[in-house]
Amino acid sequence: MAEKIEGGSKMKFTVVKLAILSLIPVLLTAGAVDTMWLRIYPGSDSVSGNFNQAGDIGFDPQGNIIVCGAG
C-alpha cells in the first residue's frame, strides 16, 4: 500500500514538472521573459576605415550588452 502512495506522489510531481515546462514557450512568446540580454547592432568593423574597437562593445541603461559590427 505504501508503494502505491509513493508512486502516486511521483506521478503528481511529474505532471507538475510537465505543466511548468509547457508554460515556458508561452511565457517567452508573450514577452514575459526578456531574453534579449545580448543585442547586436550593425556598426564599425575591422574592415571599414572608421574602426573604433572601444566603441564596439558597450552597455545601455537597462544593462544590455551592445555589440556593434559583430556580424
PDB file of N, CA and C in Angstrom:
ATOM      1  N   MET A   1       0.815  -1.200   0.000  1.00  0.00           N
ATOM      2  CA  MET A   1       0.000   0.000   0.000  1.00  0.00           C
ATOM      3  C   MET A   1       0.858   1.264   0.000  1.00  0.00           C
ATOM      4  N   ALA A   2       1.954   1.217   0.751  1.00  0.00           N
ATOM      5  CA  ALA A   2       2.839   2.382   0.804  1.00  0.00           C
ATOM      6  C   ALA A   2       3.480   2.645  -0.554  1.00  0.00           C
ATOM      7  N   GLU A   3       3.742   1.600  -1.317  1.00  0.00           N
ATOM      8  CA  GLU A   3       4.345   1.778  -2.635  1.00  0.00           C
ATOM      9  C   GLU A   3       3.406   2.517  -3.584  1.00  0.00           C
ATOM     10  N   LYS A   4       2.129   2.249  -3.500  1.00  0.00           N
ATOM     11  CA  LYS A   4       1.170   2.935  -4.371  1.00  0.00           C
ATOM     12  C   LYS A   4       1.112   4.423  -4.047  1.00  0.00           C
ATOM     13  N   ILE A   5       1.173   4.774  -2.780  1.00  0.00           N
ATOM     14  CA  ILE A   5       1.142   6.186  -2.392  1.00  0.00           C
ATOM     15  C   ILE A   5       2.400   6.885  -2.884  1.00  0.00           C
ATOM     16  N   GLU A   6       3.552   6.219  -2.724  1.00  0.00           N
ATOM     17  CA  GLU A   6       4.806   6.810  -3.180  1.00  0.00           C
ATOM     18  C   GLU A   6       4.801   6.982  -4.695  1.00  0.00           C
ATOM     19  N   GLY A   7       4.333   5.988  -5.411  1.00  0.00           N
ATOM     20  CA  GLY A   7       4.253   6.081  -6.860  1.00  0.00           C
ATOM     21  C   GLY A   7       3.299   7.176  -7.307  1.00  0.00           C
ATOM     22  N   GLY A   8       2.206   7.346  -6.573  1.00  0.00           N
ATOM     23  CA  GLY A   8       1.255   8.403  -6.901  1.00  0.00           C
ATOM     24  C   GLY A   8       1.850   9.783  -6.727  1.00  0.00           C
ATOM     25  N   SER A   9       2.654   9.965  -5.696  1.00  0.00           N
ATOM     26  CA  SER A   9       3.272  11.271  -5.480  1.00  0.00           C
ATOM     27  C   SER A   9       4.310  11.565  -6.560  1.00  0.00           C
ATOM     28  N   LYS A  10       4.995  10.527  -7.033  1.00  0.00           N
ATOM     29  CA  LYS A  10       5.944  10.721  -8.133  1.00  0.00           C
ATOM     30  C   LYS A  10       5.207  11.122  -9.403  1.00  0.00           C
ATOM     31  N   MET A  11       4.058  10.528  -9.615  1.00  0.00           N
ATOM     32  CA  MET A  11       3.256  10.854 -10.793  1.00  0.00           C
ATOM     33  C   MET A  11       2.791  12.306 -10.742  1.00  0.00           C
ATOM     34  N   LYS A  12       2.335  12.747  -9.574  1.00  0.00           N
ATOM     35  CA  LYS A  12       1.893  14.137  -9.431  1.00  0.00           C
ATOM     36  C   LYS A  12       3.054  15.093  -9.674  1.00  0.00           C
ATOM     37  N   PHE A  13       4.243  14.753  -9.151  1.00  0.00           N
ATOM     38  CA  PHE A  13       5.416  15.597  -9.347  1.00  0.00           C
ATOM     39  C   PHE A  13       5.766  15.699 -10.825  1.00  0.00           C
ATOM     40  N   THR A  14       5.679  14.595 -11.548  1.00  0.00           N
ATOM     41  CA  THR A  14       5.963  14.589 -12.980  1.00  0.00           C
ATOM     42  C   THR A  14       4.953  15.440 -13.740  1.00  0.00           C
ATOM     43  N   VAL A  15       3.704  15.352 -13.368  1.00  0.00           N
ATOM     44  CA  VAL A  15       2.666  16.156 -14.026  1.00  0.00           C
ATOM     45  C   VAL A  15       2.908  17.638 -13.779  1.00  0.00           C
ATOM     46  N   VAL A  16       3.299  17.991 -12.562  1.00  0.00           N
ATOM     47  CA  VAL A  16       3.582  19.396 -12.239  1.00  0.00           C
ATOM     48  C   VAL A  16       4.793  19.878 -13.038  1.00  0.00           C
ATOM     49  N   LYS A  17       5.834  19.059 -13.132  1.00  0.00           N
ATOM     50  CA  LYS A  17       7.010  19.437 -13.922  1.00  0.00           C
ATOM     51  C   LYS A  17       6.637  19.663 -15.379  1.00  0.00           C
ATOM     52  N   LEU A  18       5.851  18.768 -15.934  1.00  0.00           N
ATOM     53  CA  LEU A  18       5.448  18.917 -17.334  1.00  0.00           C
ATOM     54  C   LEU A  18       4.596  20.162 -17.543  1.00  0.00           C
ATOM     55  N   ALA A  19       3.740  20.471 -16.580  1.00  0.00           N
ATOM     56  CA  ALA A  19       2.907  21.668 -16.690  1.00  0.00           C
ATOM     57  C   ALA A  19       3.765  22.929 -16.671  1.00  0.00           C
ATOM     58  N   ILE A  20       4.754  22.961 -15.794  1.00  0.00           N
ATOM     59  CA  ILE A  20       5.635  24.130 -15.718  1.00  0.00           C
ATOM     60  C   ILE A  20       6.475  24.249 -16.987  1.00  0.00           C
ATOM     61  N   LEU A  21       7.016  23.137 -17.458  1.00  0.00           N
ATOM     62  CA  LEU A  21       7.820  23.172 -18.678  1.00  0.00           C
ATOM     63  C   LEU A  21       7.005  23.580 -19.895  1.00  0.00           C
ATOM     64  N   SER A  22       5.736  23.216 -19.923  1.00  0.00           N
ATOM     65  CA  SER A  22       4.902  23.596 -21.064  1.00  0.00           C
ATOM     66  C   SER A  22       4.560  25.080 -21.048  1.00  0.00           C
ATOM     67  N   LEU A  23       4.683  25.732 -19.909  1.00  0.00           N
ATOM     68  CA  LEU A  23       4.409  27.169 -19.833  1.00  0.00           C
ATOM     69  C   LEU A  23       5.575  28.016 -20.333  1.00  0.00           C
ATOM     70  N   ILE A  24       6.773  27.473 -20.365  1.00  0.00           N
ATOM     71  CA  ILE A  24       7.939  28.264 -20.757  1.00  0.00           C
ATOM     72  C   ILE A  24       7.795  28.844 -22.168  1.00  0.00           C
ATOM     73  N   PRO A  25       7.444  28.073 -23.199  1.00  0.00           N
ATOM     74  CA  PRO A  25       7.280  28.684 -24.524  1.00  0.00           C
ATOM     75  C   PRO A  25       6.174  29.739 -24.568  1.00  0.00           C
ATOM     76  N   VAL A  26       5.130  29.526 -23.797  1.00  0.00           N
ATOM     77  CA  VAL A  26       4.033  30.502 -23.761  1.00  0.00           C
ATOM     78  C   VAL A  26       4.525  31.814 -23.175  1.00  0.00           C
ATOM     79  N   LEU A  27       5.278  31.747 -22.087  1.00  0.00           N
ATOM     80  CA  LEU A  27       5.802  32.964 -21.463  1.00  0.00           C
ATOM     81  C   LEU A  27       6.803  33.667 -22.371  1.00  0.00           C
ATOM     82  N   LEU A  28       7.640  32.906 -23.056  1.00  0.00           N
ATOM     83  CA  LEU A  28       8.601  33.518 -23.973  1.00  0.00           C
ATOM     84  C   LEU A  28       7.897  34.197 -25.134  1.00  0.00           C
ATOM     85  N   THR A  29       6.873  33.556 -25.665  1.00  0.00           N
ATOM     86  CA  THR A  29       6.121  34.136 -26.774  1.00  0.00           C
ATOM     87  C   THR A  29       5.375  35.388 -26.340  1.00  0.00           C
ATOM     88  N   ALA A  30       4.869  35.383 -25.130  1.00  0.00           N
ATOM     89  CA  ALA A  30       4.114  36.527 -24.630  1.00  0.00           C
ATOM     90  C   ALA A  30       5.017  37.690 -24.249  1.00  0.00           C
ATOM     91  N   GLY A  31       6.322  37.472 -24.236  1.00  0.00           N
ATOM     92  CA  GLY A  31       7.238  38.548 -23.871  1.00  0.00           C
ATOM     93  C   GLY A  31       7.359  38.752 -22.383  1.00  0.00           C
ATOM     94  N   ALA A  32       6.937  37.772 -21.605  1.00  0.00           N
ATOM     95  CA  ALA A  32       7.021  37.909 -20.153  1.00  0.00           C
ATOM     96  C   ALA A  32       8.450  37.758 -19.654  1.00  0.00           C
ATOM     97  N   VAL A  33       9.296  37.142 -20.470  1.00  0.00           N
ATOM     98  CA  VAL A  33      10.694  36.942 -20.090  1.00  0.00           C
ATOM     99  C   VAL A  33      11.561  37.671 -21.106  1.00  0.00           C
ATOM    100  N   ASP A  34      12.477  38.518 -20.631  1.00  0.00           N
ATOM    101  CA  ASP A  34      13.360  39.256 -21.524  1.00  0.00           C
ATOM    102  C   ASP A  34      14.596  38.415 -21.799  1.00  0.00           C
ATOM    103  N   THR A  35      14.680  37.860 -23.000  1.00  0.00           N
ATOM    104  CA  THR A  35      15.834  37.045 -23.360  1.00  0.00           C
ATOM    105  C   THR A  35      16.848  37.836 -24.172  1.00  0.00           C
ATOM    106  N   MET A  36      16.586  39.105 -24.411  1.00  0.00           N
ATOM    107  CA  MET A  36      17.482  39.903 -25.235  1.00  0.00           C
ATOM    108  C   MET A  36      18.548  40.600 -24.398  1.00  0.00           C
ATOM    109  N   TRP A  37      19.317  39.835 -23.649  1.00  0.00           N
ATOM    110  CA  TRP A  37      20.397  40.424 -22.862  1.00  0.00           C
ATOM    111  C   TRP A  37      21.592  40.753 -23.736  1.00  0.00           C
ATOM    112  N   LEU A  38      21.662  40.158 -24.915  1.00  0.00           N
ATOM    113  CA  LEU A  38      22.728  40.469 -25.860  1.00  0.00           C
ATOM    114  C   LEU A  38      22.085  40.933 -27.151  1.00  0.00           C
ATOM    115  N   ARG A  39      22.345  42.166 -27.512  1.00  0.00           N
ATOM    116  CA  ARG A  39      21.766  42.720 -28.737  1.00  0.00           C
ATOM    117  C   ARG A  39      22.896  43.110 -29.672  1.00  0.00           C
ATOM    118  N   ILE A  40      22.760  42.766 -30.921  1.00  0.00           N
ATOM    119  CA  ILE A  40      23.802  43.037 -31.908  1.00  0.00           C
ATOM    120  C   ILE A  40      23.286  44.088 -32.882  1.00  0.00           C
ATOM    121  N   TYR A  41      24.045  45.165 -33.044  1.00  0.00           N
ATOM    122  CA  TYR A  41      23.689  46.243 -33.947  1.00  0.00           C
ATOM    123  C   TYR A  41      24.776  46.373 -35.005  1.00  0.00           C
ATOM    124  N   PRO A  42      24.397  46.743 -36.228  1.00  0.00           N
ATOM    125  CA  PRO A  42      25.425  46.963 -37.239  1.00  0.00           C
ATOM    126  C   PRO A  42      26.231  48.212 -36.891  1.00  0.00           C
ATOM    127  N   GLY A  43      27.486  48.171 -37.149  1.00  0.00           N
ATOM    128  CA  GLY A  43      28.325  49.335 -36.845  1.00  0.00           C
ATOM    129  C   GLY A  43      29.695  49.149 -37.440  1.00  0.00           C
ATOM    130  N   SER A  44      30.674  49.762 -36.824  1.00  0.00           N
ATOM    131  CA  SER A  44      32.027  49.682 -37.357  1.00  0.00           C
ATOM    132  C   SER A  44      32.573  48.271 -37.199  1.00  0.00           C
ATOM    133  N   ASP A  45      33.428  47.903 -38.112  1.00  0.00           N
ATOM    134  CA  ASP A  45      34.133  46.630 -38.001  1.00  0.00           C
ATOM    135  C   ASP A  45      35.576  46.845 -38.451  1.00  0.00           C
ATOM    136  N   SER A  46      36.366  45.810 -38.390  1.00  0.00           N
ATOM    137  CA  SER A  46      37.791  45.965 -38.680  1.00  0.00           C
ATOM    138  C   SER A  46      38.065  46.227 -40.159  1.00  0.00           C
ATOM    139  N   VAL A  47      37.084  46.007 -41.027  1.00  0.00           N
ATOM    140  CA  VAL A  47      37.284  46.218 -42.464  1.00  0.00           C
ATOM    141  C   VAL A  47      37.090  47.688 -42.826  1.00  0.00           C
ATOM    142  N   SER A  48      36.182  48.362 -42.148  1.00  0.00           N
ATOM    143  CA  SER A  48      35.882  49.749 -42.502  1.00  0.00           C
ATOM    144  C   SER A  48      36.993  50.681 -42.018  1.00  0.00           C
ATOM    145  N   GLY A  49      37.019  51.864 -42.596  1.00  0.00           N
ATOM    146  CA  GLY A  49      38.041  52.832 -42.231  1.00  0.00           C
ATOM    147  C   GLY A  49      37.827  53.484 -40.878  1.00  0.00           C
ATOM    148  N   ASN A  50      36.613  53.454 -40.379  1.00  0.00           N
ATOM    149  CA  ASN A  50      36.337  54.129 -39.109  1.00  0.00           C
ATOM    150  C   ASN A  50      36.243  53.128 -37.960  1.00  0.00           C
ATOM    151  N   PHE A  51      37.148  52.165 -37.939  1.00  0.00           N
ATOM    152  CA  PHE A  51      37.136  51.132 -36.893  1.00  0.00           C
ATOM    153  C   PHE A  51      37.471  51.756 -35.541  1.00  0.00           C
ATOM    154  N   ASN A  52      36.608  51.539 -34.584  1.00  0.00           N
ATOM    155  CA  ASN A  52      36.830  52.031 -33.223  1.00  0.00           C
ATOM    156  C   ASN A  52      36.521  50.882 -32.279  1.00  0.00           C
ATOM    157  N   GLN A  53      37.551  50.167 -31.871  1.00  0.00           N
ATOM    158  CA  GLN A  53      37.338  48.968 -31.063  1.00  0.00           C
ATOM    159  C   GLN A  53      36.691  49.305 -29.724  1.00  0.00           C
ATOM    160  N   ALA A  54      37.029  50.446 -29.162  1.00  0.00           N
ATOM    161  CA  ALA A  54      36.473  50.809 -27.855  1.00  0.00           C
ATOM    162  C   ALA A  54      34.973  51.038 -27.937  1.00  0.00           C
ATOM    163  N   GLY A  55      34.467  51.433 -29.110  1.00  0.00           N
ATOM    164  CA  GLY A  55      33.042  51.691 -29.253  1.00  0.00           C
ATOM    165  C   GLY A  55      32.246  50.484 -29.705  1.00  0.00           C
ATOM    166  N   ASP A  56      32.922  49.359 -29.934  1.00  0.00           N
ATOM    167  CA  ASP A  56      32.232  48.189 -30.457  1.00  0.00           C
ATOM    168  C   ASP A  56      31.455  47.422 -29.392  1.00  0.00           C
ATOM    169  N   ILE A  57      31.863  47.507 -28.145  1.00  0.00           N
ATOM    170  CA  ILE A  57      31.163  46.810 -27.069  1.00  0.00           C
ATOM    171  C   ILE A  57      30.770  47.837 -26.020  1.00  0.00           C
ATOM    172  N   GLY A  58      29.497  47.856 -25.666  1.00  0.00           N
ATOM    173  CA  GLY A  58      29.030  48.817 -24.672  1.00  0.00           C
ATOM    174  C   GLY A  58      27.816  48.305 -23.941  1.00  0.00           C
ATOM    175  N   PHE A  59      27.301  49.137 -23.060  1.00  0.00           N
ATOM    176  CA  PHE A  59      26.128  48.790 -22.263  1.00  0.00           C
ATOM    177  C   PHE A  59      25.112  49.915 -22.366  1.00  0.00           C
ATOM    178  N   ASP A  60      23.835  49.557 -22.398  1.00  0.00           N
ATOM    179  CA  ASP A  60      22.805  50.588 -22.360  1.00  0.00           C
ATOM    180  C   ASP A  60      22.299  50.728 -20.920  1.00  0.00           C
ATOM    181  N   PRO A  61      21.450  51.739 -20.638  1.00  0.00           N
ATOM    182  CA  PRO A  61      20.992  51.965 -19.257  1.00  0.00           C
ATOM    183  C   PRO A  61      20.258  50.781 -18.632  1.00  0.00           C
ATOM    184  N   GLN A  62      19.667  49.899 -19.446  1.00  0.00           N
ATOM    185  CA  GLN A  62      18.965  48.740 -18.901  1.00  0.00           C
ATOM    186  C   GLN A  62      19.916  47.597 -18.559  1.00  0.00           C
ATOM    187  N   GLY A  63      21.206  47.748 -18.878  1.00  0.00           N
ATOM    188  CA  GLY A  63      22.176  46.706 -18.577  1.00  0.00           C
ATOM    189  C   GLY A  63      22.388  45.717 -19.699  1.00  0.00           C
ATOM    190  N   ASN A  64      21.819  45.989 -20.881  1.00  0.00           N
ATOM    191  CA  ASN A  64      22.031  45.102 -22.020  1.00  0.00           C
ATOM    192  C   ASN A  64      23.426  45.311 -22.589  1.00  0.00           C
ATOM    193  N   ILE A  65      24.009  44.254 -23.115  1.00  0.00           N
ATOM    194  CA  ILE A  65      25.311  44.343 -23.765  1.00  0.00           C
ATOM    195  C   ILE A  65      25.076  44.658 -25.233  1.00  0.00           C
ATOM    196  N   ILE A  66      25.742  45.687 -25.738  1.00  0.00           N
ATOM    197  CA  ILE A  66      25.596  46.090 -27.131  1.00  0.00           C
ATOM    198  C   ILE A  66      26.896  45.768 -27.850  1.00  0.00           C
ATOM    199  N   VAL A  67      26.816  44.973 -28.915  1.00  0.00           N
ATOM    200  CA  VAL A  67      27.984  44.612 -29.704  1.00  0.00           C
ATOM    201  C   VAL A  67      27.762  45.140 -31.108  1.00  0.00           C
ATOM    202  N   CYS A  68      28.570  46.093 -31.535  1.00  0.00           N
ATOM    203  CA  CYS A  68      28.442  46.665 -32.871  1.00  0.00           C
ATOM    204  C   CYS A  68      29.425  45.991 -33.811  1.00  0.00           C
ATOM    205  N   GLY A  69      28.975  45.709 -35.001  1.00  0.00           N
ATOM    206  CA  GLY A  69      29.837  45.124 -36.009  1.00  0.00           C
ATOM    207  C   GLY A  69      30.209  43.684 -35.733  1.00  0.00           C
ATOM    208  N   ALA A  70      29.376  42.971 -35.005  1.00  0.00           N
ATOM    209  CA  ALA A  70      29.701  41.587 -34.671  1.00  0.00           C
ATOM    210  C   ALA A  70      29.301  40.622 -35.768  1.00  0.00           C
ATOM    211  N   GLY A  71      28.673  41.106 -36.823  1.00  0.00           N
ATOM    212  CA  GLY A  71      28.220  40.218 -37.874  1.00  0.00           C
ATOM    213  C   GLY A  71      29.255  40.059 -38.920  1.00  0.00           C
TER     214      GLY A  71
END
